[in-house]
Protein backbone atom coordinates (compact mmCIF):
# COMPACT_ATOMS: atom_id res chain seq x y z
CA UNK A 1 46.29 46.94 70.53
CA UNK A 2 48.71 49.23 72.37
CA UNK A 3 47.40 52.58 73.69
CA UNK A 4 49.78 55.41 74.74
CA UNK A 5 48.61 58.21 77.02
CA UNK A 6 50.74 61.38 77.43
CA UNK A 7 51.10 62.71 80.97
CA UNK A 8 50.84 66.19 82.28
CA UNK A 9 53.07 68.27 84.66
CA UNK A 10 52.06 70.61 87.46
CA UNK A 11 51.86 73.35 84.96
CA UNK A 12 50.08 71.52 82.06
CA UNK A 13 50.06 68.73 79.57
CA UNK A 14 52.94 67.41 77.47
CA UNK A 15 56.74 67.38 77.84
CA UNK A 16 58.99 69.66 79.90
CA UNK A 17 62.61 69.97 78.83
CA UNK A 18 62.58 66.73 76.95
CA UNK A 19 61.05 64.66 79.79
CA UNK A 20 58.44 62.15 78.87
CA UNK A 21 56.18 60.11 81.15
CA UNK A 22 53.63 57.87 79.51
CA UNK A 23 51.30 55.00 80.22
CA UNK A 24 51.02 51.93 77.94
CA UNK A 25 47.97 49.66 78.26
CA UNK A 26 47.91 46.24 76.68
CA UNK A 27 44.31 46.88 75.62
CA UNK A 28 41.25 49.07 76.35
CA UNK A 29 38.65 46.34 76.12
CA UNK A 30 39.03 42.87 77.55
CA UNK A 31 37.03 39.88 78.85
CA UNK A 32 36.56 39.25 82.55
CA UNK A 33 38.79 36.18 82.26
CA UNK A 34 41.67 38.11 80.58
CA UNK A 35 44.48 40.05 82.08
CA UNK A 36 45.56 43.65 81.66
CA UNK A 37 49.15 44.87 81.62
CA UNK A 38 49.83 48.53 82.55
CA UNK A 39 53.29 50.05 81.98
CA UNK A 40 54.39 53.51 83.23
CA UNK A 41 57.44 54.43 81.17
CA UNK A 42 59.76 57.51 81.39
CA UNK A 43 62.93 58.57 79.60
CA UNK A 44 64.60 60.08 82.67
CA UNK A 45 65.00 58.66 86.04
CA UNK A 46 62.64 59.91 88.75
CA UNK A 47 61.73 59.45 92.38
CA UNK A 48 58.56 59.13 94.50
CA UNK A 49 56.56 57.05 92.11
CA UNK A 50 52.93 56.78 93.23
CA UNK A 51 50.72 54.20 91.54
CA UNK A 52 47.04 54.93 90.75
CA UNK A 53 44.04 53.27 92.42
CA UNK A 54 43.21 50.23 90.45
CA UNK A 55 39.51 50.21 91.30
CA UNK A 56 37.70 47.20 89.73
CA UNK A 57 40.95 45.23 89.33
CA UNK A 58 43.04 42.99 91.32
CA UNK A 59 46.87 43.41 91.19
CA UNK A 60 48.33 40.05 90.39
CA UNK A 61 51.93 41.21 90.02
CA UNK A 62 53.76 44.40 90.32
CA UNK A 63 55.24 46.85 90.51
CA UNK A 64 58.15 45.39 88.63
CA UNK A 65 60.92 47.76 87.61
CA UNK A 66 63.05 47.63 84.38
CA UNK A 67 65.75 49.99 83.26
CA UNK A 68 67.36 50.23 79.87
CA UNK A 69 70.42 52.38 79.10
CA UNK A 70 72.52 52.43 75.94
CA UNK A 71 74.91 54.51 73.82
CA UNK A 72 74.35 54.68 70.03
CA UNK A 73 76.55 56.92 67.93
CA UNK A 74 77.53 58.95 71.02
CA UNK A 75 73.86 59.50 72.02
CA UNK A 76 72.59 58.04 75.28
CA UNK A 77 69.09 56.54 75.50
CA UNK A 78 67.44 55.77 78.83
CA UNK A 79 64.12 54.37 79.76
CA UNK A 80 62.64 53.14 83.06
CA UNK A 81 59.35 51.31 83.49
CA UNK A 82 57.08 50.34 86.28
CA UNK A 83 54.72 47.47 85.23
CA UNK A 84 51.63 45.93 86.78
CA UNK A 85 49.62 42.86 85.83
CA UNK A 86 45.84 43.26 86.64
CA UNK A 87 42.88 40.94 86.66
CA UNK A 88 39.32 42.43 86.51
CA UNK A 89 37.03 41.71 89.45
CA UNK A 90 33.71 42.46 87.64
CA UNK A 91 32.19 43.47 84.35
CA UNK A 92 31.66 47.13 83.53
CA UNK A 93 33.58 50.29 82.83
CA UNK A 94 36.40 51.17 85.14
CA UNK A 95 38.79 54.13 85.40
CA UNK A 96 42.54 53.80 86.08
CA UNK A 97 43.40 56.92 88.13
CA UNK A 98 46.43 59.21 88.08
CA UNK A 99 49.91 57.98 88.62
CA UNK A 100 52.63 60.56 89.63
CA UNK A 101 56.39 60.76 89.69
CA UNK A 102 58.93 63.44 90.44
CA UNK A 103 61.60 64.09 87.74
CA UNK A 104 64.02 66.89 88.03
CA UNK A 105 62.15 68.56 90.98
CA UNK A 106 58.82 68.63 89.00
CA UNK A 107 55.83 66.30 89.42
CA UNK A 108 54.35 64.57 86.34
CA UNK A 109 50.91 62.97 86.51
CA UNK A 110 48.96 60.63 84.21
CA UNK A 111 45.46 61.36 82.82
CA UNK A 112 42.65 58.94 84.04
CA UNK A 113 41.82 56.25 81.50
CA UNK A 114 38.70 54.09 81.08
CA UNK A 115 38.79 50.40 80.52
CA UNK A 116 35.83 48.30 79.48
CA UNK A 117 35.44 44.79 80.85
CA UNK A 118 33.06 42.47 79.01
CA UNK A 119 31.93 38.81 79.17
CA UNK A 120 34.39 36.06 79.32
CA UNK A 121 36.14 35.00 76.06
CA UNK A 122 36.64 31.43 74.93
CA UNK A 123 40.38 31.76 74.40
CA UNK A 124 42.07 34.53 76.28
CA UNK A 125 44.78 36.08 74.14
CA UNK A 126 46.82 37.71 76.92
CA UNK A 127 47.90 35.06 79.24
CA UNK A 128 51.15 35.96 80.96
CA UNK A 129 54.15 35.76 78.68
CA UNK A 130 57.69 34.52 79.65
CA UNK A 131 58.70 38.20 79.99
CA UNK A 132 55.79 38.83 82.37
CA UNK A 133 56.79 35.95 84.57
CA UNK A 134 60.39 37.02 84.56
CA UNK A 135 59.50 40.57 85.49
CA UNK A 136 57.55 39.53 88.53
CA UNK A 137 59.94 36.87 89.71
CA UNK A 138 63.31 38.77 89.54
CA UNK A 139 64.36 41.71 91.73
CA UNK A 140 67.70 43.43 92.41
CA UNK A 141 67.82 45.10 95.85
CA UNK A 142 70.45 47.43 97.38
CA UNK A 143 70.48 47.00 101.17
CA UNK A 144 72.04 50.04 102.91
CA UNK A 145 73.14 49.74 106.58
CA UNK A 146 72.53 53.45 107.47
CA UNK A 147 70.40 56.08 105.81
CA UNK A 148 71.68 58.95 107.97
CA UNK A 149 75.37 58.40 108.77
CA UNK A 150 77.85 60.96 110.07
CA UNK A 151 80.59 62.34 107.81
CA UNK A 152 83.35 59.73 107.37
CA UNK A 153 81.23 57.03 109.14
CA UNK A 154 81.16 53.62 107.44
CA UNK A 155 78.07 52.64 105.48
CA UNK A 156 77.76 49.18 103.89
CA UNK A 157 75.83 48.46 100.71
CA UNK A 158 74.90 44.88 99.87
CA UNK A 159 73.44 44.09 96.44
CA UNK A 160 71.12 41.06 96.41
CA UNK A 161 69.39 39.38 93.48
CA UNK A 162 66.10 37.86 94.56
CA UNK A 163 64.82 34.97 92.41
CA UNK A 164 61.47 33.27 92.69
CA UNK A 165 61.52 29.52 93.08
CA UNK A 166 59.43 29.19 89.95
CA UNK A 167 62.27 30.36 87.67
CA UNK A 168 66.03 29.91 87.47
CA UNK A 169 68.95 32.24 86.44
CA UNK A 170 71.60 30.84 84.14
CA UNK A 171 73.77 33.99 83.61
CA UNK A 172 74.17 37.67 84.40
CA UNK A 173 76.40 40.58 83.51
CA UNK A 174 76.70 44.10 84.92
CA UNK A 175 75.40 46.87 82.58
CA UNK A 176 76.12 49.90 84.69
CA UNK A 177 78.32 49.78 87.74
CA UNK A 178 77.74 52.64 90.18
CA UNK A 179 80.32 55.35 90.60
CA UNK A 180 80.45 56.37 94.20
CA UNK A 181 80.93 60.09 93.77
CA UNK A 182 81.63 62.00 97.05
CA UNK A 183 82.37 58.60 98.78
CA UNK A 184 85.62 56.91 99.62
CA UNK A 185 84.79 53.30 98.67
CA UNK A 186 86.27 49.90 99.47
CA UNK A 187 84.97 46.78 97.71
CA UNK A 188 84.64 43.55 99.56
CA UNK A 189 85.00 40.85 96.83
CA UNK A 190 82.43 38.16 96.53
CA UNK A 191 84.59 35.11 95.73
CA UNK A 192 81.65 32.62 95.52
CA UNK A 193 77.90 32.93 94.81
CA UNK A 194 75.90 31.07 97.42
CA UNK A 195 72.10 30.81 97.07
CA UNK A 196 70.18 31.40 100.30
CA UNK A 197 66.55 31.15 101.29
CA UNK A 198 64.79 34.44 102.16
CA UNK A 199 61.60 36.39 101.53
CA UNK A 200 60.74 39.40 99.41
CA UNK A 201 57.58 41.33 100.12
CA UNK A 202 56.28 38.49 102.22
CA UNK A 203 56.83 35.77 99.60
CA UNK A 204 59.52 33.01 99.69
CA UNK A 205 62.47 33.73 97.44
CA UNK A 206 66.04 32.58 96.95
CA UNK A 207 68.73 35.26 96.81
CA UNK A 208 72.46 35.61 96.05
CA UNK A 209 74.83 38.38 97.16
CA UNK A 210 76.39 39.94 93.99
CA UNK A 211 78.36 42.80 95.33
CA UNK A 212 79.47 44.24 98.72
CA UNK A 213 81.01 47.71 99.27
CA UNK A 214 81.78 49.91 102.25
CA UNK A 215 81.40 53.66 101.70
CA UNK A 216 82.73 56.56 103.78
CA UNK A 217 80.85 59.79 102.83
CA UNK A 218 83.22 62.70 102.24
CA UNK A 219 80.78 65.55 102.53
CA UNK A 220 77.62 66.30 104.42
CA UNK A 221 74.16 66.72 102.97
CA UNK A 222 72.15 64.51 100.59
CA UNK A 223 74.39 62.15 98.65
CA UNK A 224 73.06 59.79 96.02
CA UNK A 225 74.24 56.17 95.47
CA UNK A 226 73.96 55.36 91.77
CA UNK A 227 72.05 52.24 90.85
CA UNK A 228 73.52 48.93 89.87
CA UNK A 229 72.00 47.41 86.67
CA UNK A 230 72.29 43.93 85.42
CA UNK A 231 71.27 41.99 82.31
CA UNK A 232 70.07 38.56 83.50
CA UNK A 233 69.33 35.44 81.55
CA UNK A 234 66.23 33.80 83.01
CA UNK A 235 64.76 30.36 82.35
CA UNK A 236 60.96 30.37 82.78
CA UNK A 237 58.73 27.18 82.69
CA UNK A 238 56.05 27.10 80.09
CA UNK A 239 52.78 25.14 79.82
CA UNK A 240 54.39 22.73 77.41
CA UNK A 241 55.78 19.36 78.39
CA UNK A 242 58.54 17.19 76.92
CA UNK A 243 58.33 13.44 76.12
CA UNK A 244 58.87 12.57 79.77
CA UNK A 245 56.25 14.97 81.07
CA UNK A 246 58.76 17.61 82.34
CA UNK A 247 58.04 21.29 81.87
CA UNK A 248 59.71 22.92 78.84
CA UNK A 249 61.61 26.10 79.88
CA UNK A 250 61.92 29.23 77.76
CA UNK A 251 64.86 31.67 78.10
CA UNK A 252 64.69 35.42 78.06
CA UNK A 253 67.02 38.32 78.91
CA UNK A 254 65.77 40.86 81.50
CA UNK A 255 67.35 44.09 82.67
CA UNK A 256 66.97 44.77 86.45
CA UNK A 257 68.16 47.65 88.54
CA UNK A 258 68.74 48.19 92.24
CA UNK A 259 67.33 51.76 92.03
CA UNK A 260 68.93 54.91 93.23
CA UNK A 261 69.44 55.43 97.01
CA UNK A 262 69.91 58.69 98.87
CA UNK A 263 71.78 59.16 102.09
CA UNK A 264 71.27 62.11 104.47
CA UNK A 265 74.91 62.57 105.68
CA UNK A 266 75.16 64.51 108.93
CA UNK A 267 78.02 66.98 109.49
CA UNK A 268 80.21 66.45 112.58
CA UNK A 269 79.20 68.67 115.47
CA UNK A 270 81.23 71.83 116.00
CA UNK A 271 80.46 71.90 119.71
CA UNK A 272 83.31 70.33 121.65
CA UNK A 273 85.51 69.84 118.53
CA UNK A 274 89.19 69.78 119.71
CA UNK A 275 91.59 72.07 118.00
CA UNK A 276 93.84 69.14 116.94
CA UNK A 277 90.95 67.09 115.34
CA UNK A 278 92.13 65.71 111.99
CA UNK A 279 89.07 63.83 110.72
CA UNK A 280 89.26 60.50 112.57
CA UNK A 281 85.79 58.97 112.97
CA UNK A 282 85.29 55.67 114.85
CA UNK A 283 86.46 54.11 118.10
CA UNK A 284 90.24 54.06 118.57
CA UNK A 285 93.09 53.50 120.92
CA UNK A 286 96.20 55.68 120.65
CA UNK A 287 99.87 55.06 121.79
CA UNK A 288 103.39 56.42 121.50
CA UNK A 289 106.16 53.97 122.31
CA UNK A 290 109.92 53.76 121.88
CA UNK A 291 112.09 50.71 121.36
CA UNK A 292 114.36 51.83 124.22
CA UNK A 293 114.98 54.84 126.39
CA UNK A 294 118.60 54.23 127.45
CA UNK A 295 121.35 54.29 124.72
CA UNK A 296 124.65 55.58 123.76
CA UNK A 297 125.31 58.47 121.31
CA UNK A 298 125.23 57.39 117.58
CA UNK A 299 122.94 54.43 118.43
CA UNK A 300 119.38 54.52 117.12
CA UNK A 301 115.99 53.97 118.64
CA UNK A 302 112.44 53.64 117.09
CA UNK A 303 109.57 55.85 118.14
CA UNK A 304 106.18 54.49 116.99
CA UNK A 305 103.00 56.65 116.88
CA UNK A 306 100.10 54.18 116.35
CA UNK A 307 96.27 54.32 116.17
CA UNK A 308 94.34 51.04 116.49
CA UNK A 309 90.63 50.41 116.41
CA UNK A 310 87.68 50.52 114.13
CA UNK A 311 86.81 53.45 111.84
CA UNK A 312 88.13 55.45 108.89
CA UNK A 313 91.78 54.38 109.51
CA UNK A 314 92.88 55.21 105.95
CA UNK A 315 91.38 58.69 105.91
CA UNK A 316 93.13 60.78 108.50
CA UNK A 317 96.66 61.82 109.35
CA UNK A 318 98.47 60.68 112.38
CA UNK A 319 99.80 63.32 114.87
CA UNK A 320 103.50 64.06 114.70
CA UNK A 321 105.80 64.03 117.72
CA UNK A 322 107.81 67.07 118.82
CA UNK A 323 111.37 65.82 118.79
CA UNK A 324 114.16 67.87 120.46
CA UNK A 325 116.33 69.51 117.77
CA UNK A 326 119.46 67.95 119.21
CA UNK A 327 118.12 64.53 118.13
CA UNK A 328 118.49 63.55 114.45
CA UNK A 329 115.08 62.32 113.14
CA UNK A 330 114.47 60.48 109.77
CA UNK A 331 111.32 60.54 107.73
CA UNK A 332 108.73 58.17 109.24
CA UNK A 333 107.91 54.83 107.72
CA UNK A 334 104.20 54.33 107.47
CA UNK A 335 102.82 50.92 108.32
CA UNK A 336 99.19 49.87 107.71
CA UNK A 337 97.44 46.62 108.81
CA UNK A 338 93.82 47.23 108.07
CA UNK A 339 91.00 44.89 106.87
CA UNK A 340 87.61 45.92 105.69
CA UNK A 341 84.37 44.14 106.67
CA UNK A 342 80.68 45.17 106.27
CA UNK A 343 80.92 46.88 109.62
CA UNK A 344 83.85 49.11 108.35
CA UNK A 345 87.67 49.15 108.43
CA UNK A 346 89.47 47.88 111.47
CA UNK A 347 93.11 47.33 112.32
CA UNK A 348 96.18 49.48 113.00
CA UNK A 349 98.10 52.26 111.27
CA UNK A 350 101.41 53.69 112.59
CA UNK A 351 104.39 55.91 111.78
CA UNK A 352 107.77 54.52 112.70
CA UNK A 353 110.40 57.30 113.36
CA UNK A 354 114.13 56.52 113.50
CA UNK A 355 115.91 58.74 115.98
CA UNK A 356 119.70 59.00 116.45
CA UNK A 357 121.20 61.11 119.30
CA UNK A 358 124.54 62.77 118.81
CA UNK A 359 125.37 64.00 122.31
CA UNK A 360 125.15 62.80 125.91
CA UNK A 361 122.21 63.98 127.97
CA UNK A 362 118.47 63.47 128.71
CA UNK A 363 115.95 64.55 126.02
CA UNK A 364 112.27 64.63 126.83
CA UNK A 365 109.64 63.91 124.08
CA UNK A 366 106.54 65.84 125.06
CA UNK A 367 103.11 64.17 125.19
CA UNK A 368 101.06 63.96 121.92
CA UNK A 369 97.31 64.33 121.72
CA UNK A 370 94.98 62.39 119.30
CA UNK A 371 91.34 63.31 118.96
CA UNK A 372 88.46 61.43 117.21
CA UNK A 373 84.72 61.49 116.94
CA UNK A 374 82.70 58.43 118.07
CA UNK A 375 79.46 58.05 116.22
CA UNK A 376 78.03 55.75 118.86
CA UNK A 377 78.48 58.21 121.68
CA UNK A 378 78.20 61.20 119.37
CA UNK A 379 81.00 62.84 121.17
CA UNK A 380 84.69 63.74 120.69
CA UNK A 381 87.42 61.89 122.62
CA UNK A 382 90.96 63.06 123.14
CA UNK A 383 93.77 60.63 124.21
CA UNK A 384 97.17 61.99 125.49
CA UNK A 385 100.30 59.95 125.44
CA UNK A 386 102.85 60.00 128.32
CA UNK A 387 106.07 62.01 128.22
CA UNK A 388 109.03 59.94 127.19
CA UNK A 389 112.61 60.75 128.30
CA UNK A 390 115.48 59.51 126.10
CA UNK A 391 118.62 59.04 128.28
CA UNK A 392 121.90 59.14 126.26
CA UNK A 393 124.28 57.50 128.69
CA UNK A 394 127.63 58.05 126.94
CA UNK A 395 128.95 60.24 124.11
CA UNK A 396 130.29 63.69 123.55
CA UNK A 397 128.75 66.70 125.31
CA UNK A 398 126.79 69.30 123.34
CA UNK A 399 129.58 71.88 123.67
CA UNK A 400 133.41 71.15 123.31
CA UNK A 401 135.74 72.22 126.20
CA UNK A 402 138.56 74.83 125.77
CA UNK A 403 142.22 73.99 125.31
CA UNK A 404 143.65 76.70 127.55
CA UNK A 405 146.56 75.32 129.73
CA UNK A 406 146.49 76.11 133.46
CA UNK A 407 149.93 76.33 135.30
CA UNK A 408 150.51 73.97 138.19
CA UNK A 409 150.90 75.47 141.67
CA UNK A 410 154.04 73.47 142.60
CA UNK A 411 156.16 75.16 139.89
CA UNK A 412 158.36 78.18 140.91
CA UNK A 413 158.34 81.34 138.77
CA UNK A 414 161.71 82.25 137.19
CA UNK A 415 162.55 85.90 137.81
CA UNK A 416 165.32 87.78 135.98
CA UNK A 417 167.83 89.45 138.40
CA UNK A 418 169.54 91.91 136.02
CA UNK A 419 171.94 91.96 133.08
CA UNK A 420 173.40 88.56 133.46
CA UNK A 421 173.17 87.82 129.61
CA UNK A 422 174.89 91.02 128.48
CA UNK A 423 178.07 89.26 127.66
CA UNK A 424 176.52 87.48 124.63
CA UNK A 425 177.38 89.18 121.31
CA UNK A 426 175.60 88.55 118.02
CA UNK A 427 177.42 88.19 114.66
CA UNK A 428 175.57 90.27 111.97
CA UNK A 429 176.62 87.91 109.19
CA UNK A 430 175.07 84.80 110.66
CA UNK A 431 172.14 83.19 108.80
CA UNK A 432 169.53 81.06 110.50
CA UNK A 433 169.97 77.31 109.85
CA UNK A 434 167.51 75.78 107.25
CA UNK A 435 166.54 79.16 105.71
CA UNK A 436 165.63 78.84 101.96
CA UNK A 437 164.75 81.75 99.60
CA UNK A 438 161.34 81.17 97.73
CA UNK A 439 161.64 83.92 95.16
CA UNK A 440 163.40 82.56 92.07
CA UNK A 441 163.26 78.92 93.28
CA UNK A 442 161.86 75.95 91.42
CA UNK A 443 158.68 76.03 93.47
CA UNK A 444 158.23 79.63 92.65
CA UNK A 445 158.17 78.94 88.90
CA UNK A 446 155.91 75.91 89.30
CA UNK A 447 153.25 77.83 91.18
CA UNK A 448 153.53 80.65 88.65
CA UNK A 449 152.93 78.24 85.63
CA UNK A 450 150.30 75.99 87.37
CA UNK A 451 147.28 78.28 86.62
CA UNK A 452 148.30 78.38 82.91
CA UNK A 453 148.35 74.54 82.85
CA UNK A 454 144.99 74.29 84.52
CA UNK A 455 143.12 76.52 82.05
CA UNK A 456 142.76 73.78 79.30
CA UNK A 457 141.61 71.28 81.94
CA UNK A 458 138.99 73.74 83.33
CA UNK A 459 137.63 74.23 79.73
CA UNK A 460 137.13 70.51 79.21
CA UNK A 461 135.39 70.06 82.66
CA UNK A 462 133.15 73.07 81.87
CA UNK A 463 132.13 71.61 78.47
CA UNK A 464 131.44 68.27 80.04
CA UNK A 465 129.25 69.88 82.74
CA UNK A 466 127.26 71.88 80.18
CA UNK A 467 126.65 68.68 78.24
CA UNK A 468 125.36 66.91 81.30
CA UNK A 469 123.18 69.82 82.29
CA UNK A 470 121.82 69.98 78.74
CA UNK A 471 120.70 66.37 78.79
CA UNK A 472 117.41 67.23 80.55
CA UNK A 473 115.68 64.03 79.39
CA UNK A 474 118.56 61.84 80.59
CA UNK A 475 118.67 63.57 83.97
CA UNK A 476 114.96 63.17 84.42
CA UNK A 477 115.16 59.46 83.60
CA UNK A 478 117.96 58.96 86.09
CA UNK A 479 116.02 60.87 88.76
CA UNK A 480 112.84 58.89 88.01
CA UNK A 481 114.65 55.61 88.27
CA UNK A 482 116.19 56.57 91.60
CA UNK A 483 112.77 57.52 92.87
CA UNK A 484 111.25 54.24 91.76
CA UNK A 485 114.00 52.25 93.55
CA UNK A 486 113.53 54.33 96.67
CA UNK A 487 109.80 53.67 97.03
CA UNK A 488 109.87 50.05 95.90
CA UNK A 489 112.92 48.92 97.90
CA UNK A 490 110.82 47.32 100.62
CA UNK A 491 108.50 45.60 98.12
CA UNK A 492 111.48 44.10 96.33
CA UNK A 493 112.83 42.52 99.55
CA UNK A 494 109.48 40.76 100.04
CA UNK A 495 109.21 39.20 96.54
CA UNK A 496 107.84 35.66 96.96
CA UNK A 497 105.73 36.48 100.01
CA UNK A 498 102.37 37.46 98.52
CA UNK A 499 100.82 39.29 101.47
CA UNK A 500 103.93 41.28 102.58
CA UNK A 501 104.78 42.08 98.94
CA UNK A 502 101.43 43.55 97.96
CA UNK A 503 101.11 45.42 101.32
CA UNK A 504 104.50 46.99 100.68
CA UNK A 505 103.67 47.66 97.01
CA UNK A 506 100.35 49.40 97.97
CA UNK A 507 102.18 51.45 100.58
CA UNK A 508 104.81 52.50 98.00
CA UNK A 509 102.22 53.56 95.52
CA UNK A 510 100.37 55.61 98.16
CA UNK A 511 103.50 57.23 99.57
CA UNK A 512 104.55 58.17 96.05
CA UNK A 513 101.25 60.00 95.45
CA UNK A 514 101.52 61.70 98.88
CA UNK A 515 104.99 63.01 98.02
CA UNK A 516 104.48 63.83 94.39
CA UNK A 517 100.95 65.19 94.31
CA UNK A 518 100.70 66.55 97.79
CA UNK A 519 97.28 64.97 98.44
CA UNK A 520 95.84 63.58 101.59
CA UNK A 521 94.91 59.95 102.20
CA UNK A 522 91.27 61.02 102.13
CA UNK A 523 91.64 61.21 98.35
CA UNK A 524 92.80 57.71 97.91
CA UNK A 525 89.82 56.27 95.99
CA UNK A 526 90.70 54.72 92.69
CA UNK A 527 88.26 56.95 90.72
CA UNK A 528 89.65 60.12 92.29
CA UNK A 529 93.26 59.05 91.61
CA UNK A 530 92.50 58.25 88.06
CA UNK A 531 90.71 61.68 87.60
CA UNK A 532 93.51 63.48 89.28
CA UNK A 533 96.22 61.81 87.13
CA UNK A 534 94.17 62.65 84.01
CA UNK A 535 94.04 66.30 85.09
CA UNK A 536 97.84 66.24 85.52
CA UNK A 537 98.04 65.07 81.82
CA UNK A 538 99.36 61.60 82.66
CA UNK A 539 98.89 59.43 79.56
CA UNK A 540 96.04 56.93 79.71
CA UNK A 541 98.31 53.77 79.49
CA UNK A 542 100.34 54.87 82.58
CA UNK A 543 97.11 55.95 84.41
CA UNK A 544 95.51 52.55 83.69
CA UNK A 545 98.70 50.75 84.82
CA UNK A 546 98.77 52.65 88.17
CA UNK A 547 95.06 51.88 88.88
CA UNK A 548 95.56 48.28 87.84
CA UNK A 549 98.38 47.92 90.31
CA UNK A 550 96.15 49.26 93.10
CA UNK A 551 93.43 46.74 92.10
CA UNK A 552 95.97 43.89 92.16
CA UNK A 553 97.03 44.88 95.66
CA UNK A 554 93.38 44.64 96.80
CA UNK A 555 92.72 41.31 94.97
CA UNK A 556 95.87 39.74 96.42
CA UNK A 557 94.26 39.68 99.84
CA UNK A 558 91.66 37.20 98.53
CA UNK A 559 93.10 35.56 95.52
CA UNK A 560 96.28 33.46 94.88
CA UNK A 561 99.13 35.19 93.05
CA UNK A 562 102.18 33.45 91.60
CA UNK A 563 105.73 34.53 91.98
CA UNK A 564 105.79 35.38 88.31
CA UNK A 565 102.79 37.65 88.73
CA UNK A 566 104.42 39.36 91.67
CA UNK A 567 107.61 39.94 89.62
CA UNK A 568 105.61 41.32 86.76
CA UNK A 569 103.72 43.69 89.09
CA UNK A 570 107.03 44.90 90.59
CA UNK A 571 108.53 45.62 87.15
CA UNK A 572 105.31 47.38 86.09
CA UNK A 573 105.33 49.50 89.26
CA UNK A 574 108.88 50.56 88.68
CA UNK A 575 108.12 51.44 85.09
CA UNK A 576 104.86 53.26 86.03
CA UNK A 577 106.54 55.38 88.75
CA UNK A 578 109.40 56.26 86.46
CA UNK A 579 107.09 57.30 83.63
CA UNK A 580 104.75 59.27 85.91
CA UNK A 581 107.66 61.17 87.45
CA UNK A 582 108.79 62.27 83.98
CA UNK A 583 105.26 63.43 83.14
CA UNK A 584 104.27 65.19 86.43
């Protein structure tokens, strides 16, 4: 017989805003050789569950935790249950005390319930079922590396499924993958499931690592990590035996959850924060180098601003050098060589500037400062680069010289002595040689008629221009195709080389978002990108294509990809960028 007991709140009995919290007892009367199952069930998730005192009973198993979540006709149903299996220690009447839990900031408590334990029965009817054994032998745990990290400090979460040696797991599937809101997340794929020996609550267990993720909190305060829920197919041995005396196994499906975790994220200290701090958190080295310092005008050199180390390398901007205005500087090429482990991201990011001098001279590039916060020392550190002098050996000077002629000192000045040329007489009828009259000539009439001849041609050109300007759709397509070729040019050159191709492809996608949407790299989580594109009214097919390309770029680091797949991804990227550019 099932017995349900309604629970009360701090303010009284019953429900509060649709919240229910109830206790389910397998029976109210039992024999001393029987077992009692107690379930505490709620329809909304809660925290700080406190079990009652089971006086007169021995806890055989528990608490086990089960979560069920489903959508039916657009309505979500949710239930969470804490279960205990008890064995009475003596005959008599016993009381199960109050249990409590906090839901939505309010505390709900159970009413005490009496249980009568009588003499032993011949055939106990409530021996542990297959589901009971599975509940007590299967646990999903989320192990968090830090509970109180700093803002933008790496936190690893490892999801482990603990399985008792008495049962076996034949299959599992995720029911509800967590969405890491307010975190920048980076998955570390688990390519192979390896069972390892361990312990859970002091008992020997086997466990497998199902999921690994590194999180960087993007705001301070209390941040919640949503639970991971799985449906697991479990094989449990029964008391029956087959022909050869081996135990017969029964299968059942169980839902397990890792539970919700809360991090208390600390804000970065304001004391000692440098004015040029741009959000870098970790332990880094900083350098500014050039490919050469002596060159001729119209030659080029490369200036590289690089940060190397361990921390949130993908979540801050590199400082920009102050280049003299007389040097021509092109847009920097961003390079990223970063790998992510459970301890966080580590590697190198850099901006490569191409500089071309036009004039001869010496041009100093002033020192650049880079500041970061080190969580280990809990202090800010600033690194200054050295001044670099670019020496342009030969070439034109910055201002051209005049063309004024200066007379030589060894030449004598000719001085007129009087009227020695008065004997020359001029004939008034003489005409200068080569003189030609323009008025009335052939050229005169041609220049006069030329504007009239150009009028029809100008009309045709004007009509053609208006037609081209009116083709808005065609112009946008051409512009979009040019933009796609611009960002994907490097990726196209590396087709056939998996690692270089997908690094270049990911960089092209990120640079496109930076240029088009004006967003910082701190917003580069796939969930945020998908949400932002949806807000900008990018159609779902294009949105999914863009996110799929980012996922392929991540998977390519750990999985084999064929040349055909790379070519397909390149064509898809070109199509996605062209389509997005027409829609944004």
